């Protein structure tokens, strides 16, 4: 039961995010990849040609979660907060802890 509710919640959140992207039509999206960021960014980037700034979470110090790996190819600016993460994302810019 919980799994079904979680899936419906994810679908509803995704629809709401894409709805607001359509309404607001942002030039730039700044994200840490939380929630429904991947489909929202993909939609905004491909359909609306929005720029994407991704900030890798300060919690990711020695390994990457799936979200930054997926978003890296779509991000116009990819920021990491730890030098160690540059070994995983060599094109990223280390901005230090935010």
C-alpha atoms as a PDB file:
ATOM      1  CA  UNK A   1       0.000   0.000   0.000  1.00  0.00           C
ATOM      2  CA  UNK A   2       2.761   2.458   0.949  1.00  0.00           C
ATOM      3  CA  UNK A   3       4.613   1.774  -2.299  1.00  0.00           C
ATOM      4  CA  UNK A   4       1.514   2.541  -4.354  1.00  0.00           C
ATOM      5  CA  UNK A   5       0.954   5.817  -2.481  1.00  0.00           C
ATOM      6  CA  UNK A   6       4.593   6.761  -2.947  1.00  0.00           C
ATOM      7  CA  UNK A   7       4.374   6.174  -6.711  1.00  0.00           C
ATOM      8  CA  UNK A   8       1.194   8.256  -7.004  1.00  0.00           C
ATOM      9  CA  UNK A   9       2.771  11.015  -4.952  1.00  0.00           C
ATOM     10  CA  UNK A  10       5.783  11.050  -7.255  1.00  0.00           C
ATOM     11  CA  UNK A  11       3.570  11.217 -10.360  1.00  0.00           C
ATOM     12  CA  UNK A  12       1.461  14.047  -8.914  1.00  0.00           C
ATOM     13  CA  UNK A  13       4.565  16.001  -7.852  1.00  0.00           C
ATOM     14  CA  UNK A  14       6.068  15.584 -11.311  1.00  0.00           C
ATOM     15  CA  UNK A  15       2.910  16.847 -13.010  1.00  0.00           C
ATOM     16  CA  UNK A  16       2.768  19.838 -10.645  1.00  0.00           C
ATOM     17  CA  UNK A  17       6.434  20.693 -11.289  1.00  0.00           C
ATOM     18  CA  UNK A  18       6.032  20.539 -15.056  1.00  0.00           C
ATOM     19  CA  UNK A  19       2.813  22.592 -14.796  1.00  0.00           C
ATOM     20  CA  UNK A  20       4.667  25.355 -12.926  1.00  0.00           C
ATOM     21  CA  UNK A  21       7.562  25.257 -15.372  1.00  0.00           C
ATOM     22  CA  UNK A  22       5.054  25.776 -18.191  1.00  0.00           C
ATOM     23  CA  UNK A  23       3.324  28.618 -16.345  1.00  0.00           C
ATOM     24  CA  UNK A  24       6.463  30.471 -15.210  1.00  0.00           C
ATOM     25  CA  UNK A  25       8.724  29.588 -18.179  1.00  0.00           C
ATOM     26  CA  UNK A  26      11.989  30.108 -16.277  1.00  0.00           C
ATOM     27  CA  UNK A  27      15.156  31.156 -18.097  1.00  0.00           C
ATOM     28  CA  UNK A  28      17.270  29.388 -15.465  1.00  0.00           C
ATOM     29  CA  UNK A  29      16.588  26.516 -13.080  1.00  0.00           C
ATOM     30  CA  UNK A  30      18.820  26.107 -10.026  1.00  0.00           C
ATOM     31  CA  UNK A  31      18.524  22.714  -8.367  1.00  0.00           C
ATOM     32  CA  UNK A  32      20.178  20.228  -6.047  1.00  0.00           C
ATOM     33  CA  UNK A  33      18.329  17.379  -7.715  1.00  0.00           C
ATOM     34  CA  UNK A  34      15.835  16.715  -4.967  1.00  0.00           C
ATOM     35  CA  UNK A  35      12.398  15.283  -5.609  1.00  0.00           C
ATOM     36  CA  UNK A  36      11.238  15.297  -9.216  1.00  0.00           C
ATOM     37  CA  UNK A  37      14.170  17.341 -10.524  1.00  0.00           C
ATOM     38  CA  UNK A  38      15.240  14.946 -13.279  1.00  0.00           C
ATOM     39  CA  UNK A  39      12.008  14.918 -15.319  1.00  0.00           C
ATOM     40  CA  UNK A  40      11.407  18.612 -14.626  1.00  0.00           C
ATOM     41  CA  UNK A  41      14.901  19.590 -15.778  1.00  0.00           C
ATOM     42  CA  UNK A  42      14.698  17.360 -18.830  1.00  0.00           C
ATOM     43  CA  UNK A  43      11.361  18.923 -19.792  1.00  0.00           C
ATOM     44  CA  UNK A  44      12.478  22.522 -19.185  1.00  0.00           C
ATOM     45  CA  UNK A  45      15.783  22.023 -20.977  1.00  0.00           C
ATOM     46  CA  UNK A  46      14.409  20.269 -24.063  1.00  0.00           C
ATOM     47  CA  UNK A  47      11.083  22.070 -24.514  1.00  0.00           C
ATOM     48  CA  UNK A  48      11.668  25.558 -23.072  1.00  0.00           C
ATOM     49  CA  UNK A  49      15.454  25.762 -23.614  1.00  0.00           C
ATOM     50  CA  UNK A  50      15.977  26.805 -19.968  1.00  0.00           C
ATOM     51  CA  UNK A  51      19.497  26.940 -18.571  1.00  0.00           C
ATOM     52  CA  UNK A  52      20.228  24.531 -15.710  1.00  0.00           C
ATOM     53  CA  UNK A  53      22.526  25.158 -12.750  1.00  0.00           C
ATOM     54  CA  UNK A  54      23.057  22.047 -10.671  1.00  0.00           C
ATOM     55  CA  UNK A  55      24.591  22.139  -7.176  1.00  0.00           C
ATOM     56  CA  UNK A  56      25.747  18.733  -5.992  1.00  0.00           C
ATOM     57  CA  UNK A  57      24.684  18.144  -2.401  1.00  0.00           C
ATOM     58  CA  UNK A  58      27.160  18.721   0.410  1.00  0.00           C
ATOM     59  CA  UNK A  59      26.165  15.268   1.676  1.00  0.00           C
ATOM     60  CA  UNK A  60      27.842  13.637  -1.351  1.00  0.00           C
ATOM     61  CA  UNK A  61      31.526  13.708  -0.440  1.00  0.00           C
ATOM     62  CA  UNK A  62      33.142  10.579  -1.857  1.00  0.00           C
ATOM     63  CA  UNK A  63      30.558   9.106  -4.212  1.00  0.00           C
ATOM     64  CA  UNK A  64      27.782  10.324  -6.451  1.00  0.00           C
ATOM     65  CA  UNK A  65      24.132   9.468  -6.204  1.00  0.00           C
ATOM     66  CA  UNK A  66      22.208   8.701  -9.392  1.00  0.00           C
ATOM     67  CA  UNK A  67      20.660  12.141  -9.812  1.00  0.00           C
ATOM     68  CA  UNK A  68      23.861  14.134 -10.473  1.00  0.00           C
ATOM     69  CA  UNK A  69      25.066  11.460 -12.887  1.00  0.00           C
ATOM     70  CA  UNK A  70      21.831  11.817 -14.887  1.00  0.00           C
ATOM     71  CA  UNK A  71      21.727  15.627 -14.694  1.00  0.00           C
ATOM     72  CA  UNK A  72      25.393  16.268 -15.497  1.00  0.00           C
ATOM     73  CA  UNK A  73      24.880  16.023 -19.262  1.00  0.00           C
ATOM     74  CA  UNK A  74      21.972  18.492 -19.182  1.00  0.00           C
ATOM     75  CA  UNK A  75      23.415  21.063 -16.771  1.00  0.00           C
ATOM     76  CA  UNK A  76      24.844  24.272 -18.185  1.00  0.00           C
ATOM     77  CA  UNK A  77      26.742  24.815 -14.932  1.00  0.00           C
ATOM     78  CA  UNK A  78      27.582  21.889 -12.661  1.00  0.00           C
ATOM     79  CA  UNK A  79      28.870  22.767  -9.190  1.00  0.00           C
ATOM     80  CA  UNK A  80      30.349  20.446  -6.585  1.00  0.00           C
ATOM     81  CA  UNK A  81      31.107  21.376  -3.001  1.00  0.00           C
ATOM     82  CA  UNK A  82      34.072  19.071  -2.411  1.00  0.00           C
ATOM     83  CA  UNK A  83      37.345  18.743  -4.383  1.00  0.00           C
ATOM     84  CA  UNK A  84      37.066  14.939  -4.105  1.00  0.00           C
ATOM     85  CA  UNK A  85      33.975  15.046  -6.319  1.00  0.00           C
ATOM     86  CA  UNK A  86      36.002  16.451  -9.227  1.00  0.00           C
ATOM     87  CA  UNK A  87      37.424  12.958  -9.741  1.00  0.00           C
ATOM     88  CA  UNK A  88      33.879  11.780 -10.494  1.00  0.00           C
ATOM     89  CA  UNK A  89      32.771  14.943 -12.327  1.00  0.00           C
ATOM     90  CA  UNK A  90      35.933  16.363 -13.963  1.00  0.00           C
ATOM     91  CA  UNK A  91      34.058  19.147 -15.793  1.00  0.00           C
ATOM     92  CA  UNK A  92      32.435  20.409 -12.592  1.00  0.00           C
ATOM     93  CA  UNK A  93      33.427  23.595 -10.810  1.00  0.00           C
ATOM     94  CA  UNK A  94      34.300  23.260  -7.128  1.00  0.00           C
ATOM     95  CA  UNK A  95      32.580  26.134  -5.347  1.00  0.00           C
ATOM     96  CA  UNK A  96      33.209  25.017  -1.776  1.00  0.00           C
ATOM     97  CA  UNK A  97      30.525  24.385   0.806  1.00  0.00           C
ATOM     98  CA  UNK A  98      27.486  26.594   0.335  1.00  0.00           C
END
